[in-house]
C-alpha atoms as a PDB file:
ATOM      1  CA  MET A   1      33.531  -0.817 -21.458  1.00  0.00           C
ATOM      2  CA  PRO A   2      33.544  -4.624 -21.019  1.00  0.00           C
ATOM      3  CA  TYR A   3      30.388  -6.211 -19.665  1.00  0.00           C
ATOM      4  CA  ALA A   4      30.410  -9.506 -17.813  1.00  0.00           C
ATOM      5  CA  ILE A   5      27.782 -11.940 -19.012  1.00  0.00           C
ATOM      6  CA  PRO A   6      25.917 -13.489 -16.029  1.00  0.00           C
ATOM      7  CA  ALA A   7      26.766 -17.139 -15.582  1.00  0.00           C
ATOM      8  CA  ASN A   8      23.201 -18.146 -14.713  1.00  0.00           C
ATOM      9  CA  VAL A   9      21.686 -17.028 -18.028  1.00  0.00           C
ATOM     10  CA  ARG A  10      19.863 -19.919 -19.692  1.00  0.00           C
ATOM     11  CA  TYR A  11      19.042 -20.149 -23.377  1.00  0.00           C
ATOM     12  CA  GLU A  12      16.767 -22.721 -24.950  1.00  0.00           C
ATOM     13  CA  GLU A  13      17.263 -23.688 -28.562  1.00  0.00           C
ATOM     14  CA  ARG A  14      14.337 -23.022 -30.888  1.00  0.00           C
ATOM     15  CA  LEU A  15      13.328 -25.923 -33.098  1.00  0.00           C
ATOM     16  CA  ILE A  16      10.197 -24.762 -34.959  1.00  0.00           C
ATOM     17  CA  GLY A  17       9.840 -20.997 -35.179  1.00  0.00           C
ATOM     18  CA  PRO A  18       9.601 -19.497 -31.681  1.00  0.00           C
ATOM     19  CA  PHE A  19       8.973 -22.894 -30.027  1.00  0.00           C
ATOM     20  CA  ASN A  20      11.551 -24.778 -28.002  1.00  0.00           C
ATOM     21  CA  LEU A  21      12.033 -28.530 -28.183  1.00  0.00           C
ATOM     22  CA  LYS A  22       9.197 -29.479 -25.845  1.00  0.00           C
ATOM     23  CA  GLN A  23       6.751 -27.062 -27.419  1.00  0.00           C
ATOM     24  CA  SER A  24       7.736 -28.216 -30.901  1.00  0.00           C
ATOM     25  CA  ILE A  25       7.008 -31.836 -29.990  1.00  0.00           C
ATOM     26  CA  TYR A  26       3.520 -30.883 -28.767  1.00  0.00           C
ATOM     27  CA  VAL A  27       2.900 -28.820 -31.920  1.00  0.00           C
ATOM     28  CA  VAL A  28       3.938 -31.698 -34.192  1.00  0.00           C
ATOM     29  CA  ILE A  29       1.857 -34.278 -32.321  1.00  0.00           C
ATOM     30  CA  GLY A  30      -1.173 -31.960 -32.084  1.00  0.00           C
ATOM     31  CA  GLY A  31      -0.898 -30.962 -35.736  1.00  0.00           C
ATOM     32  CA  GLY A  32      -0.713 -34.623 -36.754  1.00  0.00           C
ATOM     33  CA  ILE A  33      -3.859 -35.466 -34.781  1.00  0.00           C
ATOM     34  CA  ILE A  34      -5.717 -32.502 -36.333  1.00  0.00           C
ATOM     35  CA  LEU A  35      -4.685 -33.489 -39.879  1.00  0.00           C
ATOM     36  CA  TRP A  36      -5.673 -37.096 -39.261  1.00  0.00           C
ATOM     37  CA  ALA A  37      -9.084 -36.099 -37.892  1.00  0.00           C
ATOM     38  CA  TYR A  38      -9.787 -33.711 -40.785  1.00  0.00           C
ATOM     39  CA  LEU A  39      -8.399 -35.654 -43.768  1.00  0.00           C
ATOM     40  CA  PHE A  40      -8.158 -39.369 -42.986  1.00  0.00           C
ATOM     41  CA  SER A  41     -10.419 -40.282 -40.064  1.00  0.00           C
ATOM     42  CA  GLY A  42     -13.648 -40.558 -41.985  1.00  0.00           C
ATOM     43  CA  LEU A  43     -15.591 -39.528 -38.882  1.00  0.00           C
ATOM     44  CA  PRO A  44     -18.747 -37.401 -39.003  1.00  0.00           C
ATOM     45  CA  PHE A  45     -18.093 -33.672 -39.309  1.00  0.00           C
ATOM     46  CA  LEU A  46     -19.263 -32.978 -35.740  1.00  0.00           C
ATOM     47  CA  TYR A  47     -16.771 -35.461 -34.286  1.00  0.00           C
ATOM     48  CA  GLN A  48     -14.004 -34.029 -36.445  1.00  0.00           C
ATOM     49  CA  ILE A  49     -14.702 -30.517 -35.091  1.00  0.00           C
ATOM     50  CA  MET A  50     -14.686 -31.788 -31.495  1.00  0.00           C
ATOM     51  CA  ILE A  51     -11.326 -33.566 -31.925  1.00  0.00           C
ATOM     52  CA  ILE A  52      -9.790 -30.530 -33.648  1.00  0.00           C
ATOM     53  CA  LEU A  53     -11.006 -28.093 -30.961  1.00  0.00           C
ATOM     54  CA  VAL A  54      -9.901 -30.264 -28.044  1.00  0.00           C
ATOM     55  CA  THR A  55      -6.491 -31.033 -29.545  1.00  0.00           C
ATOM     56  CA  GLY A  56      -5.943 -27.408 -30.566  1.00  0.00           C
ATOM     57  CA  GLY A  57      -6.929 -26.212 -27.085  1.00  0.00           C
ATOM     58  CA  VAL A  58      -4.503 -28.614 -25.417  1.00  0.00           C
ATOM     59  CA  VAL A  59      -1.636 -27.611 -27.729  1.00  0.00           C
ATOM     60  CA  VAL A  60      -2.282 -23.890 -27.188  1.00  0.00           C
ATOM     61  CA  GLY A  61      -2.525 -24.412 -23.423  1.00  0.00           C
ATOM     62  CA  VAL A  62       0.748 -26.323 -23.272  1.00  0.00           C
ATOM     63  CA  VAL A  63       2.663 -24.019 -25.594  1.00  0.00           C
ATOM     64  CA  MET A  64       1.377 -20.681 -24.308  1.00  0.00           C
ATOM     65  CA  PHE A  65       0.437 -21.324 -20.664  1.00  0.00           C
ATOM     66  CA  ASN A  66       2.489 -24.387 -19.563  1.00  0.00           C
ATOM     67  CA  LEU A  67      -0.673 -26.436 -19.142  1.00  0.00           C
ATOM     68  CA  ASP A  68       1.296 -29.673 -18.688  1.00  0.00           C
ATOM     69  CA  THR A  69       3.207 -28.246 -15.709  1.00  0.00           C
ATOM     70  CA  MET A  70      -0.012 -26.938 -14.162  1.00  0.00           C
ATOM     71  CA  VAL A  71      -1.691 -30.353 -14.492  1.00  0.00           C
ATOM     72  CA  VAL A  72       1.288 -32.136 -12.907  1.00  0.00           C
ATOM     73  CA  ASP A  73       1.373 -29.651 -10.003  1.00  0.00           C
ATOM     74  CA  TYR A  74      -2.392 -30.019  -9.540  1.00  0.00           C
ATOM     75  CA  VAL A  75      -2.172 -33.820  -9.390  1.00  0.00           C
ATOM     76  CA  MET A  76       0.812 -33.754  -7.016  1.00  0.00           C
ATOM     77  CA  PHE A  77      -1.014 -31.303  -4.756  1.00  0.00           C
ATOM     78  CA  PHE A  78      -3.963 -33.650  -4.305  1.00  0.00           C
ATOM     79  CA  LYS A  79      -1.719 -36.678  -3.870  1.00  0.00           C
ATOM     80  CA  ALA A  80       0.353 -34.967  -1.176  1.00  0.00           C
ATOM     81  CA  GLU A  81      -0.538 -35.405   2.481  1.00  0.00           C
ATOM     82  CA  LYS A  82      -2.018 -32.114   3.682  1.00  0.00           C
ATOM     83  CA  LYS A  83      -2.822 -32.850   7.290  1.00  0.00           C
ATOM     84  CA  THR A  84      -0.635 -34.611   9.786  1.00  0.00           C
ATOM     85  CA  SER A  85       0.095 -34.659  13.492  1.00  0.00           C
ATOM     86  CA  TRP A  86       3.140 -34.334  15.688  1.00  0.00           C
ATOM     87  CA  ILE A  87       3.439 -38.083  16.250  1.00  0.00           C
ATOM     88  CA  SER A  88       2.676 -39.249  12.712  1.00  0.00           C
ATOM     89  CA  PRO A  89       5.380 -40.878  10.540  1.00  0.00           C
ATOM     90  CA  ALA A  90       4.840 -38.152   7.919  1.00  0.00           C
ATOM     91  CA  ALA A  91       5.803 -35.449  10.425  1.00  0.00           C
ATOM     92  CA  ARG A  92       8.934 -37.292  11.511  1.00  0.00           C
ATOM     93  CA  LYS A  93       9.910 -37.838   7.891  1.00  0.00           C
ATOM     94  CA  LEU A  94       9.316 -34.181   7.059  1.00  0.00           C
ATOM     95  CA  MET A  95      11.469 -32.818   9.896  1.00  0.00           C
ATOM     96  CA  ASP A  96      13.863 -35.793  10.038  1.00  0.00           C
ATOM     97  CA  ILE A  97      14.098 -35.546  13.834  1.00  0.00           C
ATOM     98  CA  LYS A  98      15.596 -38.560  15.587  1.00  0.00           C
ATOM     99  CA  SER A  99      15.227 -37.259  19.143  1.00  0.00           C
ATOM    100  CA  ILE A 100      15.098 -34.111  21.279  1.00  0.00           C
ATOM    101  CA  ARG A 101      17.107 -34.304  24.474  1.00  0.00           C
ATOM    102  CA  ALA A 102      19.841 -32.540  26.460  1.00  0.00           C
ATOM    103  CA  ASP A 103      18.566 -29.178  25.155  1.00  0.00           C
ATOM    104  CA  ALA A 104      19.462 -30.248  21.609  1.00  0.00           C
ATOM    105  CA  VAL A 105      17.783 -31.582  18.467  1.00  0.00           C
ATOM    106  CA  PHE A 106      19.268 -34.788  17.003  1.00  0.00           C
ATOM    107  CA  LEU A 107      18.524 -35.156  13.295  1.00  0.00           C
ATOM    108  CA  GLY A 108      18.396 -38.358  11.291  1.00  0.00           C
ATOM    109  CA  ASP A 109      21.495 -37.419   9.268  1.00  0.00           C
ATOM    110  CA  GLY A 110      23.620 -37.212  12.429  1.00  0.00           C
ATOM    111  CA  LYS A 111      23.545 -33.427  12.914  1.00  0.00           C
ATOM    112  CA  VAL A 112      22.960 -31.969  16.387  1.00  0.00           C
ATOM    113  CA  LEU A 113      21.335 -28.528  16.657  1.00  0.00           C
ATOM    114  CA  GLY A 114      20.757 -25.992  19.391  1.00  0.00           C
ATOM    115  CA  LEU A 115      18.137 -23.228  19.169  1.00  0.00           C
ATOM    116  CA  LEU A 116      18.340 -19.732  20.573  1.00  0.00           C
ATOM    117  CA  LYS A 117      15.233 -17.594  20.942  1.00  0.00           C
ATOM    118  CA  ILE A 118      15.816 -13.905  20.301  1.00  0.00           C
ATOM    119  CA  VAL A 119      14.069 -11.273  22.405  1.00  0.00           C
ATOM    120  CA  PRO A 120      12.669  -8.752  19.852  1.00  0.00           C
ATOM    121  CA  ILE A 121      13.845  -5.136  19.914  1.00  0.00           C
ATOM    122  CA  ASN A 122      11.471  -2.264  19.192  1.00  0.00           C
ATOM    123  CA  PHE A 123      13.532   0.016  16.958  1.00  0.00           C
ATOM    124  CA  GLY A 124      10.819   2.663  17.153  1.00  0.00           C
ATOM    125  CA  VAL A 125      11.730   3.544  20.745  1.00  0.00           C
ATOM    126  CA  LEU A 126      15.504   3.532  20.226  1.00  0.00           C
ATOM    127  CA  SER A 127      17.570   6.622  19.527  1.00  0.00           C
ATOM    128  CA  GLU A 128      19.574   6.853  16.325  1.00  0.00           C
ATOM    129  CA  GLN A 129      22.766   6.155  18.227  1.00  0.00           C
ATOM    130  CA  ASP A 130      21.295   3.049  19.856  1.00  0.00           C
ATOM    131  CA  ARG A 131      20.083   1.813  16.472  1.00  0.00           C
ATOM    132  CA  ASP A 132      23.561   2.179  15.006  1.00  0.00           C
ATOM    133  CA  THR A 133      24.973   0.321  17.999  1.00  0.00           C
ATOM    134  CA  VAL A 134      22.638  -2.620  17.409  1.00  0.00           C
ATOM    135  CA  ILE A 135      23.191  -2.710  13.638  1.00  0.00           C
ATOM    136  CA  TYR A 136      26.996  -2.471  13.740  1.00  0.00           C
ATOM    137  CA  GLY A 137      27.141  -4.843  16.707  1.00  0.00           C
ATOM    138  CA  PHE A 138      25.155  -7.398  14.718  1.00  0.00           C
ATOM    139  CA  LEU A 139      27.509  -6.969  11.743  1.00  0.00           C
ATOM    140  CA  GLU A 140      30.487  -7.605  14.005  1.00  0.00           C
ATOM    141  CA  PHE A 141      28.707 -10.685  15.346  1.00  0.00           C
ATOM    142  CA  LEU A 142      28.286 -12.084  11.824  1.00  0.00           C
ATOM    143  CA  ASN A 143      31.908 -11.338  10.933  1.00  0.00           C
ATOM    144  CA  SER A 144      33.150 -13.060  14.090  1.00  0.00           C
ATOM    145  CA  LEU A 145      31.464 -16.387  13.367  1.00  0.00           C
ATOM    146  CA  ASN A 146      33.672 -19.309  12.375  1.00  0.00           C
ATOM    147  CA  PHE A 147      30.781 -21.767  12.032  1.00  0.00           C
ATOM    148  CA  PRO A 148      27.490 -21.628  10.089  1.00  0.00           C
ATOM    149  CA  ILE A 149      24.201 -20.554  11.653  1.00  0.00           C
ATOM    150  CA  GLN A 150      20.628 -20.292  10.420  1.00  0.00           C
ATOM    151  CA  ILE A 151      18.328 -17.382  11.242  1.00  0.00           C
ATOM    152  CA  VAL A 152      14.638 -18.344  11.315  1.00  0.00           C
ATOM    153  CA  MET A 153      11.669 -15.986  11.475  1.00  0.00           C
ATOM    154  CA  ARG A 154       8.194 -17.294  12.247  1.00  0.00           C
ATOM    155  CA  SER A 155       4.966 -15.324  11.987  1.00  0.00           C
ATOM    156  CA  VAL A 156       2.173 -16.353  14.365  1.00  0.00           C
ATOM    157  CA  ASN A 157      -1.171 -14.873  15.252  1.00  0.00           C
ATOM    158  CA  LEU A 158      -0.793 -12.282  17.987  1.00  0.00           C
ATOM    159  CA  ASP A 159      -2.322 -13.642  21.197  1.00  0.00           C
ATOM    160  CA  LEU A 160      -2.887 -11.233  24.113  1.00  0.00           C
ATOM    161  CA  GLU A 161      -5.330 -13.421  26.030  1.00  0.00           C
ATOM    162  CA  ASP A 162      -2.834 -14.116  28.820  1.00  0.00           C
ATOM    163  CA  TYR A 163      -2.192 -10.385  29.239  1.00  0.00           C
ATOM    164  CA  LEU A 164      -5.914  -9.595  29.266  1.00  0.00           C
ATOM    165  CA  ARG A 165      -6.611 -12.403  31.725  1.00  0.00           C
ATOM    166  CA  HIS A 166      -3.951 -11.219  34.168  1.00  0.00           C
ATOM    167  CA  LEU A 167      -5.171  -7.648  33.821  1.00  0.00           C
ATOM    168  CA  LYS A 168      -8.750  -8.654  34.602  1.00  0.00           C
ATOM    169  CA  ARG A 169      -7.628 -10.713  37.610  1.00  0.00           C
ATOM    170  CA  ARG A 170      -5.850  -7.689  39.097  1.00  0.00           C
ATOM    171  CA  ILE A 171      -8.924  -5.483  38.572  1.00  0.00           C
ATOM    172  CA  VAL A 172     -11.215  -8.062  40.182  1.00  0.00           C
ATOM    173  CA  GLN A 173      -8.888  -8.339  43.176  1.00  0.00           C
ATOM    174  CA  ARG A 174      -9.113  -4.557  43.639  1.00  0.00           C
ATOM    175  CA  ASP A 175     -12.936  -4.768  43.394  1.00  0.00           C
ATOM    176  CA  ASP A 176     -13.002  -1.721  41.114  1.00  0.00           C
ATOM    177  CA  LYS A 177     -16.321  -1.716  39.220  1.00  0.00           C
ATOM    178  CA  ILE A 178     -15.464   1.332  37.107  1.00  0.00           C
ATOM    179  CA  ALA A 179     -12.087  -0.097  36.055  1.00  0.00           C
ATOM    180  CA  LEU A 180     -13.759  -3.412  35.250  1.00  0.00           C
ATOM    181  CA  ALA A 181     -16.214  -1.645  32.915  1.00  0.00           C
ATOM    182  CA  TYR A 182     -13.332   0.131  31.189  1.00  0.00           C
ATOM    183  CA  TYR A 183     -11.513  -3.197  30.924  1.00  0.00           C
ATOM    184  CA  GLU A 184     -14.407  -4.886  29.109  1.00  0.00           C
ATOM    185  CA  HIS A 185     -14.452  -2.149  26.455  1.00  0.00           C
ATOM    186  CA  PHE A 186     -10.656  -2.236  26.160  1.00  0.00           C
ATOM    187  CA  ALA A 187     -10.509  -6.039  25.819  1.00  0.00           C
ATOM    188  CA  GLU A 188     -13.230  -6.046  23.157  1.00  0.00           C
ATOM    189  CA  TYR A 189     -11.433  -3.296  21.231  1.00  0.00           C
ATOM    190  CA  VAL A 190      -8.084  -5.132  21.361  1.00  0.00           C
ATOM    191  CA  ARG A 191      -9.579  -8.450  20.191  1.00  0.00           C
ATOM    192  CA  ASN A 192     -11.488  -6.823  17.325  1.00  0.00           C
ATOM    193  CA  TYR A 193      -8.480  -4.752  16.259  1.00  0.00           C
ATOM    194  CA  ILE A 194      -6.227  -7.831  16.109  1.00  0.00           C
ATOM    195  CA  LYS A 195      -8.861  -9.831  14.233  1.00  0.00           C
ATOM    196  CA  VAL A 196      -9.764  -7.152  11.679  1.00  0.00           C
ATOM    197  CA  ASN A 197      -6.191  -6.039  10.967  1.00  0.00           C
ATOM    198  CA  LYS A 198      -4.814  -9.601  11.107  1.00  0.00           C
ATOM    199  CA  ILE A 199      -1.880  -8.589  13.293  1.00  0.00           C
ATOM    200  CA  ASN A 200       0.889 -11.148  13.550  1.00  0.00           C
ATOM    201  CA  ASP A 201       3.696 -11.581  16.023  1.00  0.00           C
ATOM    202  CA  ARG A 202       7.143 -12.329  14.617  1.00  0.00           C
ATOM    203  CA  LEU A 203       9.397 -14.740  16.463  1.00  0.00           C
ATOM    204  CA  PHE A 204      13.115 -14.990  15.708  1.00  0.00           C
ATOM    205  CA  TYR A 205      15.390 -17.968  16.298  1.00  0.00           C
ATOM    206  CA  ILE A 206      19.039 -18.798  15.621  1.00  0.00           C
ATOM    207  CA  VAL A 207      19.872 -22.411  14.796  1.00  0.00           C
ATOM    208  CA  VAL A 208      23.381 -23.380  15.912  1.00  0.00           C
ATOM    209  CA  PRO A 209      24.860 -26.641  14.599  1.00  0.00           C
ATOM    210  CA  ALA A 210      27.374 -28.608  16.624  1.00  0.00           C
ATOM    211  CA  GLU A 211      30.680 -29.786  15.248  1.00  0.00           C
ATOM    212  CA  LYS A 212      30.569 -33.552  15.061  1.00  0.00           C
ATOM    213  CA  LYS A 213      32.863 -35.182  17.630  1.00  0.00           C
ATOM    214  CA  PRO A 214      33.782 -38.834  18.355  1.00  0.00           C
ATOM    215  CA  THR A 215      31.323 -39.019  21.277  1.00  0.00           C
ATOM    216  CA  VAL A 216      27.873 -37.567  21.933  1.00  0.00           C
ATOM    217  CA  LYS A 217      29.134 -35.919  25.119  1.00  0.00           C
ATOM    218  CA  ALA A 218      31.903 -34.118  23.256  1.00  0.00           C
ATOM    219  CA  THR A 219      29.437 -33.043  20.558  1.00  0.00           C
ATOM    220  CA  LEU A 220      27.046 -31.608  23.147  1.00  0.00           C
ATOM    221  CA  GLU A 221      29.912 -29.786  24.883  1.00  0.00           C
ATOM    222  CA  ASN A 222      30.886 -28.241  21.549  1.00  0.00           C
ATOM    223  CA  LEU A 223      27.258 -27.204  20.994  1.00  0.00           C
ATOM    224  CA  ASP A 224      27.071 -25.646  24.466  1.00  0.00           C
ATOM    225  CA  GLY A 225      30.212 -23.653  23.753  1.00  0.00           C
ATOM    226  CA  ARG A 226      28.949 -22.403  20.410  1.00  0.00           C
ATOM    227  CA  CYS A 227      25.566 -21.377  21.826  1.00  0.00           C
ATOM    228  CA  GLU A 228      27.246 -19.541  24.697  1.00  0.00           C
ATOM    229  CA  THR A 229      29.520 -17.742  22.230  1.00  0.00           C
ATOM    230  CA  VAL A 230      26.527 -16.604  20.160  1.00  0.00           C
ATOM    231  CA  VAL A 231      24.649 -15.415  23.249  1.00  0.00           C
ATOM    232  CA  GLN A 232      27.608 -13.446  24.601  1.00  0.00           C
ATOM    233  CA  THR A 233      28.511 -11.906  21.228  1.00  0.00           C
ATOM    234  CA  LEU A 234      24.925 -10.841  20.545  1.00  0.00           C
ATOM    235  CA  ALA A 235      24.730  -9.292  24.016  1.00  0.00           C
ATOM    236  CA  LEU A 236      27.489  -6.846  23.050  1.00  0.00           C
ATOM    237  CA  SER A 237      25.105  -5.301  20.496  1.00  0.00           C
ATOM    238  CA  GLY A 238      22.154  -5.210  22.891  1.00  0.00           C
ATOM    239  CA  ILE A 239      20.423  -8.273  21.450  1.00  0.00           C
ATOM    240  CA  VAL A 240      19.255 -10.752  24.079  1.00  0.00           C
ATOM    241  CA  ALA A 241      19.247 -14.446  23.146  1.00  0.00           C
ATOM    242  CA  GLU A 242      18.085 -17.351  25.319  1.00  0.00           C
ATOM    243  CA  ARG A 243      18.976 -21.024  24.869  1.00  0.00           C
ATOM    244  CA  MET A 244      15.848 -23.153  24.494  1.00  0.00           C
ATOM    245  CA  ASN A 245      15.660 -26.197  26.752  1.00  0.00           C
ATOM    246  CA  THR A 246      14.302 -29.629  25.855  1.00  0.00           C
ATOM    247  CA  LYS A 247      10.662 -28.927  26.747  1.00  0.00           C
ATOM    248  CA  GLN A 248      10.694 -25.628  24.905  1.00  0.00           C
ATOM    249  CA  LEU A 249      12.098 -27.368  21.822  1.00  0.00           C
ATOM    250  CA  ILE A 250       9.405 -30.034  21.942  1.00  0.00           C
ATOM    251  CA  ASN A 251       6.719 -27.388  22.283  1.00  0.00           C
ATOM    252  CA  LEU A 252       8.190 -25.367  19.384  1.00  0.00           C
ATOM    253  CA  TYR A 253       8.271 -28.260  16.935  1.00  0.00           C
ATOM    254  CA  SER A 254       4.896 -29.662  17.968  1.00  0.00           C
ATOM    255  CA  SER A 255       3.272 -26.231  17.604  1.00  0.00           C
ATOM    256  CA  TYR A 256       3.721 -26.494  13.832  1.00  0.00           C
ATOM    257  CA  PHE A 257       1.290 -29.413  13.786  1.00  0.00           C
ATOM    258  CA  THR A 258      -1.098 -29.085  16.704  1.00  0.00           C
ATOM    259  CA  GLU A 259      -1.971 -26.631  19.463  1.00  0.00           C
ATOM    260  CA  THR A 260      -0.467 -27.276  22.900  1.00  0.00           C
ATOM    261  CA  PHE A 261      -0.927 -25.626  26.251  1.00  0.00           C
ATOM    262  CA  GLU A 262       2.048 -24.627  28.387  1.00  0.00           C
ATOM    263  CA  ILE A 263       1.372 -24.911  32.136  1.00  0.00           C
ATOM    264  CA  LEU A 264       4.512 -24.079  34.085  1.00  0.00           C
ATOM    265  CA  ASP A 265       6.840 -27.019  33.354  1.00  0.00           C
ATOM    266  CA  THR A 266       4.137 -29.270  31.906  1.00  0.00           C
ATOM    267  CA  TYR A 267       3.097 -29.402  28.252  1.00  0.00           C
ATOM    268  CA  VAL A 268      -0.292 -31.001  27.723  1.00  0.00           C
ATOM    269  CA  SER A 269      -2.614 -31.388  24.775  1.00  0.00           C
ATOM    270  CA  PRO A 270      -6.186 -30.038  24.758  1.00  0.00           C
ATOM    271  CA  ILE A 271      -7.521 -33.564  25.384  1.00  0.00           C
ATOM    272  CA  THR A 272      -5.203 -34.047  28.358  1.00  0.00           C
ATOM    273  CA  ILE A 273      -6.116 -30.746  29.949  1.00  0.00           C
ATOM    274  CA  TYR A 274      -9.820 -31.558  29.762  1.00  0.00           C
ATOM    275  CA  LYS A 275      -9.187 -34.956  31.320  1.00  0.00           C
ATOM    276  CA  LYS A 276      -7.330 -33.272  34.171  1.00  0.00           C
ATOM    277  CA  MET A 277     -10.369 -31.108  34.893  1.00  0.00           C
ATOM    278  CA  TRP A 278     -13.034 -33.737  34.250  1.00  0.00           C
ATOM    279  CA  HIS A 279     -13.143 -35.118  37.802  1.00  0.00           C
ATOM    280  CA  GLU A 280     -13.949 -31.653  39.146  1.00  0.00           C
ATOM    281  CA  ALA A 281     -16.132 -30.478  36.284  1.00  0.00           C
ATOM    282  CA  PRO A 282     -17.768 -27.155  37.185  1.00  0.00           C
ATOM    283  CA  LYS A 283     -21.392 -26.402  36.610  1.00  0.00           C
ATOM    284  CA  HIS A 284     -20.645 -23.590  34.172  1.00  0.00           C
ATOM    285  CA  PRO A 285     -17.955 -23.540  31.418  1.00  0.00           C
ATOM    286  CA  ALA A 286     -16.766 -20.129  32.592  1.00  0.00           C
ATOM    287  CA  ASP A 287     -15.546 -21.726  35.826  1.00  0.00           C
ATOM    288  CA  TYR A 288     -12.957 -23.963  34.087  1.00  0.00           C
ATOM    289  CA  GLU A 289     -10.226 -21.409  34.654  1.00  0.00           C
ATOM    290  CA  GLU A 290     -10.929 -21.373  38.406  1.00  0.00           C
ATOM    291  CA  VAL A 291     -10.643 -25.170  38.556  1.00  0.00           C
ATOM    292  CA  LEU A 292      -7.327 -25.048  36.755  1.00  0.00           C
ATOM    293  CA  GLU A 293      -6.040 -22.342  39.093  1.00  0.00           C
ATOM    294  CA  GLU A 294      -6.973 -24.491  42.092  1.00  0.00           C
ATOM    295  CA  LYS A 295      -4.915 -27.347  40.641  1.00  0.00           C
ATOM    296  CA  LEU A 296      -1.911 -25.070  40.297  1.00  0.00           C
ATOM    297  CA  LYS A 297      -2.374 -23.305  43.618  1.00  0.00           C
ATOM    298  CA  GLY A 298       0.908 -22.807  45.356  1.00  0.00           C
ATOM    299  CA  LYS A 299       2.930 -23.367  42.133  1.00  0.00           C
ATOM    300  CA  GLY A 300       2.470 -19.964  40.511  1.00  0.00           C
ATOM    301  CA  GLU A 301       0.014 -18.302  38.163  1.00  0.00           C
ATOM    302  CA  VAL A 302      -1.399 -19.938  35.049  1.00  0.00           C
END
């Protein structure tokens, strides 16, 4: 029976025994240094032993454990910039974003992208028939595409503080002391459970590229059409997708570098939010939330 040889198989020629070219070079250079130190250097015996041990250790490390690659990676790691911010040149260079506007991301290479946020589905509560509907509907969606897409999954720390805060507000409004006591135990249990078990929340996105057109308007119209097609096709399989607007896109990208707070239609940094509350600083830190609610009174809940 014929067997197809994989095309990606790589073979390195052996120069000295089991050593490839790079390893052989290190062995020759290290062996030369050891011979020189032992036979021709004329150094005291202690110095000869030190040179032989150090050289032999380096050669063994390079040949057996890729020490040279590890050293290069170690140096590059410390030379690389490890901390940056949303507005720094390093961040812009990393993401290559030219601008975010018109519900689209304009990249430096001329590409225009739209992002769709997927509403997660809990397969555990679906029947077997519903699961098959979602799976086969998603397969049909992939087969129907005539343009490339990118599916992105992001894991973030699960945050239920908003849910707990709204729940407590409703209990306080009812003035139910017993329910409030139960709430305190429940909230403490939830926070500890998430912290101990390190529970993450998974967010899914679909990146849709636009076909480049002669004008920006035509390119954006093409992007709108593609995003609408993806949303409608996914809906046939029961998967809900929502087009992210400009402010949501800014918040998404900036969240990779620094924490931001979302207040209705306004996105502010921690420094900004404290400045907003500074003029009406409460006497106790626990009252900050009440001050913020007063500022947003009549516009909706925080």
